[in-house]
Protein backbone atom coordinates (compact mmCIF):
# COMPACT_ATOMS: atom_id res chain seq x y z
CA MET A 1 126.39 106.63 -92.47
CA ALA A 2 122.93 106.33 -93.95
CA VAL A 3 119.97 106.56 -91.60
CA LYS A 4 117.71 103.55 -91.90
CA GLN A 5 114.00 104.33 -91.77
CA PHE A 6 111.62 101.59 -90.71
CA TYR A 7 108.12 101.11 -89.33
CA HIS A 8 106.04 98.43 -87.66
CA ASP A 9 102.37 97.52 -87.70
CA ILE A 10 100.88 97.64 -84.21
CA ASP A 11 97.57 96.03 -83.34
CA GLY A 12 96.12 98.45 -80.79
CA VAL A 13 93.39 96.01 -79.75
CA LYS A 14 95.95 93.77 -78.10
CA ILE A 15 97.82 96.55 -76.30
CA GLY A 16 96.88 97.76 -72.84
CA ILE A 17 99.45 100.53 -72.28
CA LEU A 18 102.04 102.19 -74.51
CA LYS A 19 104.84 103.80 -72.54
CA ASP A 20 107.37 106.32 -73.91
CA TRP A 21 105.81 105.95 -77.33
CA ARG A 22 105.86 108.58 -80.09
CA PHE A 23 105.30 108.90 -83.82
CA ASN A 24 108.38 108.53 -85.96
CA PRO A 25 110.08 112.01 -85.98
CA LEU A 26 111.41 112.91 -89.43
CA THR A 27 112.71 116.04 -91.09
CA THR A 28 110.82 117.21 -94.17
CA ALA A 29 113.59 115.84 -96.39
CA LEU A 30 113.51 112.42 -94.73
CA ARG A 31 109.71 112.32 -94.88
CA THR A 32 109.89 113.08 -98.61
CA THR A 33 112.45 110.31 -99.10
CA LEU A 34 110.32 107.85 -97.15
CA GLY A 35 107.30 108.77 -99.26
CA GLY A 36 109.22 107.63 -102.34
CA THR A 37 109.29 104.09 -100.96
CA LEU A 38 105.59 103.88 -99.98
CA ASN A 39 102.55 102.72 -101.92
CA ALA A 40 98.83 102.10 -101.41
CA SER A 41 99.52 99.22 -98.98
CA HIS A 42 101.05 101.71 -96.52
CA GLU A 43 97.91 103.87 -96.28
CA GLY A 44 97.48 105.24 -92.73
CA LEU A 45 101.19 105.40 -91.86
CA ALA A 46 101.77 108.48 -89.65
CA VAL A 47 104.95 110.46 -88.95
CA PHE A 48 105.84 113.72 -87.23
CA ASP A 49 107.63 116.38 -89.34
CA THR A 50 110.20 118.02 -87.04
CA ASP A 51 110.81 120.92 -89.44
CA LEU A 52 107.12 121.89 -89.60
CA ASN A 53 106.16 120.60 -86.12
CA GLN A 54 103.19 118.92 -87.75
CA MET A 55 101.71 115.44 -88.11
CA PHE A 56 101.44 113.81 -91.56
CA TYR A 57 99.78 110.60 -92.68
CA TRP A 58 100.15 108.60 -95.89
CA ASP A 59 96.86 108.40 -97.83
CA GLY A 60 98.12 105.74 -100.23
CA THR A 61 99.65 108.10 -102.76
CA THR A 62 100.95 111.19 -100.90
CA TRP A 63 101.57 112.75 -97.49
CA VAL A 64 98.62 114.63 -96.03
CA SER A 65 98.85 117.13 -93.18
CA GLY A 66 97.36 115.75 -90.01
CA THR A 67 95.92 119.18 -89.18
CA ALA A 68 93.44 119.53 -92.02
CA PRO A 69 92.35 123.15 -92.61
CA ILE A 70 88.76 124.21 -91.94
CA THR A 71 87.05 125.21 -95.18
CA GLY A 72 86.56 128.98 -95.25
CA ALA A 73 88.68 129.63 -92.15
CA MET A 74 91.07 132.57 -92.14
CA THR A 75 94.76 132.03 -91.39
CA TYR A 76 96.92 134.91 -90.19
CA LYS A 77 100.13 134.86 -92.22
CA GLY A 78 101.90 137.86 -90.71
CA THR A 79 103.07 141.12 -92.24
CA TYR A 80 103.46 141.90 -95.94
CA ALA A 81 105.00 144.94 -97.63
CA ASN A 82 105.06 144.32 -101.39
CA LEU A 83 102.31 146.31 -103.16
CA ALA A 84 103.35 145.08 -106.62
CA VAL A 85 103.61 141.30 -106.14
CA ALA A 86 101.13 138.98 -104.41
CA PRO A 87 102.28 136.43 -101.80
CA GLY A 88 103.62 133.47 -103.75
CA THR A 89 102.13 130.59 -101.74
CA SER A 90 98.82 132.02 -100.55
CA VAL A 91 95.63 129.98 -100.26
CA ASP A 92 92.00 131.00 -99.74
CA GLY A 93 91.50 132.50 -96.28
CA ASP A 94 95.07 133.77 -95.84
CA VAL A 95 95.25 137.14 -94.03
CA TYR A 96 98.17 139.59 -94.27
CA TYR A 97 98.88 142.77 -92.30
CA LEU A 98 100.15 145.48 -94.67
CA THR A 99 103.18 147.49 -93.63
CA THR A 100 103.25 149.71 -96.73
CA ALA A 101 100.74 152.35 -97.85
CA GLY A 102 99.84 152.93 -101.49
CA THR A 103 97.97 151.11 -104.27
CA LEU A 104 98.01 147.33 -104.65
CA THR A 105 98.86 146.26 -108.21
CA TRP A 106 99.12 142.47 -107.86
CA ALA A 107 98.78 140.99 -111.35
CA GLY A 108 95.40 139.40 -112.09
CA ILE A 109 93.95 140.34 -108.68
CA THR A 110 90.78 142.38 -108.04
CA PHE A 111 90.63 144.17 -104.67
CA ASN A 112 87.39 144.84 -102.85
CA PRO A 113 86.34 147.51 -102.10
CA THR A 114 89.52 149.34 -103.19
CA ALA A 115 93.16 148.72 -104.00
CA VAL A 116 94.24 151.87 -102.13
CA VAL A 117 95.59 150.80 -98.74
CA GLN A 118 97.13 152.27 -95.59
CA VAL A 119 99.64 150.82 -93.16
CA GLY A 120 97.67 148.56 -90.81
CA ASP A 121 95.07 147.44 -93.36
CA LEU A 122 94.37 143.72 -93.76
CA VAL A 123 94.15 141.85 -97.07
CA ILE A 124 92.25 138.56 -97.15
CA ARG A 125 92.39 136.10 -100.04
CA ARG A 126 88.82 135.23 -101.08
CA ASP A 127 89.84 133.17 -104.12
CA ALA A 128 92.58 133.05 -106.75
CA THR A 129 91.60 136.39 -108.33
CA ASN A 130 89.85 138.28 -105.51
CA TRP A 131 91.22 139.73 -102.28
CA ASP A 132 89.25 141.72 -99.71
CA VAL A 133 90.75 144.82 -98.10
CA VAL A 134 89.74 145.57 -94.51
CA GLN A 135 90.63 148.97 -93.10
CA GLY A 136 92.67 148.38 -89.98
CA ASN A 137 93.36 151.92 -88.88
CA THR A 138 91.71 155.32 -88.69
CA VAL A 139 91.91 157.47 -91.83
CA LEU A 140 90.64 161.04 -91.79
CA ALA A 141 88.20 161.89 -94.55
CA SER A 142 88.88 164.62 -97.09
CA GLU A 143 87.43 165.80 -100.40
CA THR A 144 89.29 162.97 -102.15
CA ASN A 145 89.81 160.33 -99.42
CA PRO A 146 87.02 158.39 -97.68
CA GLY A 147 87.45 157.89 -93.94
CA ASP A 148 86.38 159.03 -90.49
CA ILE A 149 85.07 162.54 -89.90
CA GLU A 150 83.98 164.36 -86.75
CA ILE A 151 80.62 166.12 -86.42
CA ALA A 152 80.95 169.86 -85.86
CA THR A 153 79.58 171.54 -82.76
CA GLN A 154 76.97 174.29 -83.08
CA THR A 155 79.67 176.87 -82.22
CA GLU A 156 81.92 175.56 -85.00
CA VAL A 157 79.01 175.71 -87.46
CA ASN A 158 78.14 179.26 -86.39
CA THR A 159 81.76 180.40 -86.68
CA GLY A 160 82.07 178.94 -90.18
CA THR A 161 85.87 178.61 -90.33
CA ASP A 162 86.35 174.86 -89.68
CA ASP A 163 86.94 172.81 -92.85
CA ALA A 164 87.66 169.44 -91.18
CA ARG A 165 84.29 168.63 -89.56
CA ALA A 166 80.84 167.77 -90.94
CA VAL A 167 77.63 169.79 -90.50
CA THR A 168 74.40 167.95 -89.65
CA PRO A 169 71.00 169.09 -91.00
CA LEU A 170 69.85 170.06 -87.49
CA LYS A 171 72.86 172.28 -86.78
CA LEU A 172 72.56 173.89 -90.20
CA ALA A 173 68.85 174.59 -89.61
CA THR A 174 69.67 176.06 -86.20
CA TYR A 175 72.32 178.29 -87.75
CA VAL A 176 69.92 179.52 -90.46
CA SER A 177 67.23 180.17 -87.88
CA ASN A 178 69.59 182.09 -85.60
CA GLN A 179 70.90 184.16 -88.50
CA ALA A 180 67.36 184.94 -89.69
CA LEU A 181 68.62 184.71 -93.26
CA ALA A 182 66.45 186.11 -96.01
CA LYS A 183 64.35 183.67 -98.04
CA THR A 184 62.95 184.24 -101.52
CA TYR A 185 59.70 183.36 -103.28
CA PHE A 186 59.23 183.86 -107.03
CA ALA A 187 56.22 183.37 -109.33
CA SER A 188 55.79 184.17 -113.01
CA GLY A 189 52.91 184.21 -115.52
CA VAL A 190 50.51 185.61 -112.92
CA THR A 191 47.22 187.17 -114.06
CA LEU A 192 45.73 190.00 -111.97
CA VAL A 193 42.03 190.78 -112.25
CA ALA A 194 41.19 194.48 -111.80
CA ASN A 195 40.24 195.40 -108.24
CA THR A 196 40.43 191.77 -107.12
CA ALA A 197 42.82 190.58 -104.42
CA PHE A 198 45.25 187.90 -105.60
CA THR A 199 46.61 185.62 -102.86
CA VAL A 200 50.35 184.89 -102.89
CA ASN A 201 51.18 181.77 -100.84
CA HIS A 202 54.92 182.32 -100.47
CA ASN A 203 55.34 179.84 -97.53
CA LEU A 204 58.44 181.68 -96.26
CA ASN A 205 57.47 181.12 -92.62
CA LEU A 206 58.41 184.71 -91.77
CA GLN A 207 59.50 185.66 -88.26
CA ASN A 208 56.98 188.48 -88.54
CA LYS A 209 54.18 188.62 -91.11
CA ASP A 210 55.32 192.11 -92.15
CA ALA A 211 59.05 191.24 -92.44
CA PHE A 212 59.24 191.15 -96.23
CA VAL A 213 59.68 193.21 -99.38
CA ILE A 214 57.78 192.55 -102.63
CA SER A 215 58.34 193.34 -106.29
CA VAL A 216 55.55 193.09 -108.90
CA LYS A 217 56.63 193.58 -112.52
CA ASP A 218 55.01 193.36 -115.94
CA SER A 219 56.36 191.47 -118.99
CA ALA A 220 58.61 194.44 -119.88
CA GLY A 221 60.24 194.38 -116.44
CA SER A 222 58.55 197.57 -115.26
CA GLU A 223 57.31 197.80 -111.70
CA VAL A 224 53.51 197.58 -111.36
CA GLY A 225 51.77 199.57 -108.64
CA VAL A 226 49.60 197.28 -106.52
CA ASP A 227 48.06 197.29 -103.08
CA VAL A 228 49.80 194.74 -100.80
CA ASP A 229 48.32 193.31 -97.61
CA SER A 230 50.10 190.80 -95.37
CA VAL A 231 47.80 187.96 -94.34
CA ASN A 232 50.02 185.75 -92.16
CA LEU A 233 53.56 184.35 -91.95
CA ASN A 234 53.12 182.42 -95.19
CA SER A 235 50.82 184.46 -97.42
CA LEU A 236 49.86 187.97 -98.60
CA THR A 237 47.53 189.52 -101.17
CA VAL A 238 48.16 191.93 -104.04
CA GLU A 239 45.46 193.96 -105.79
CA SER A 240 45.72 195.98 -109.00
CA SER A 241 43.33 198.70 -110.15
CA VAL A 242 43.73 197.48 -113.73
CA ALA A 243 43.86 194.00 -115.24
CA ALA A 244 47.35 192.70 -115.95
CA THR A 245 48.77 189.49 -117.42
CA ASN A 246 52.16 187.79 -117.46
CA ILE A 247 53.09 189.34 -114.14
CA THR A 248 56.10 188.26 -112.04
CA ILE A 249 56.01 188.45 -108.25
CA THR A 250 59.09 188.28 -106.01
CA VAL A 251 58.86 188.16 -102.21
CA ILE A 252 61.95 188.39 -100.01
CA GLY A 253 61.55 187.98 -96.28
CA ARG A 254 62.89 186.52 -93.09
């Protein structure tokens, strides 16, 4: 037996109380069938879709969801596992939780900032050709993979065997200071005036002003005999008994 669908116009101004009243409950199929019989004169007719648990109203030409979406709002759509094919019915703002790791290759889609994803990442549709990827889990960083990394302790820096933690400038400077590593100063094209002290500002910040060795060579690479006097932690003087040009000076200290 066919189910007869009907409706009535109700003037709410003349009604004080409606008891046991509800919108006409229809399945999606019946709502679609009813829509085929409606026209512009039925604008405002409302029904309840029992398949979708959602209100719909007739705008004069088509059914419109009674729960209009908020422009720009995100809608959680659940889990998604296909890295090769995009969701078929997605709209702007849809959010999916990925259950597969790998590289997204959805045709015609650009992923920001990267198409490489992990299980637990979220993908959000920005528009028809752009999706945003939001990291949803913790990924350890490596030489080839961006992610989280722990800062090394001073002991780990001093030991020098840990390859999974990062070194900060302060801990590196502390390590160098503790090790009292040698530092080098080099200058070339120096001209020495006979019996005149030449100041070398090496700026090595020596631990002791005498903790250095120096080499003075001519253009042929031969060592030149000079008088050397340490001035302070960052400078010294050299003095030659004869004039010399194109001299190289190397200072190594700590």
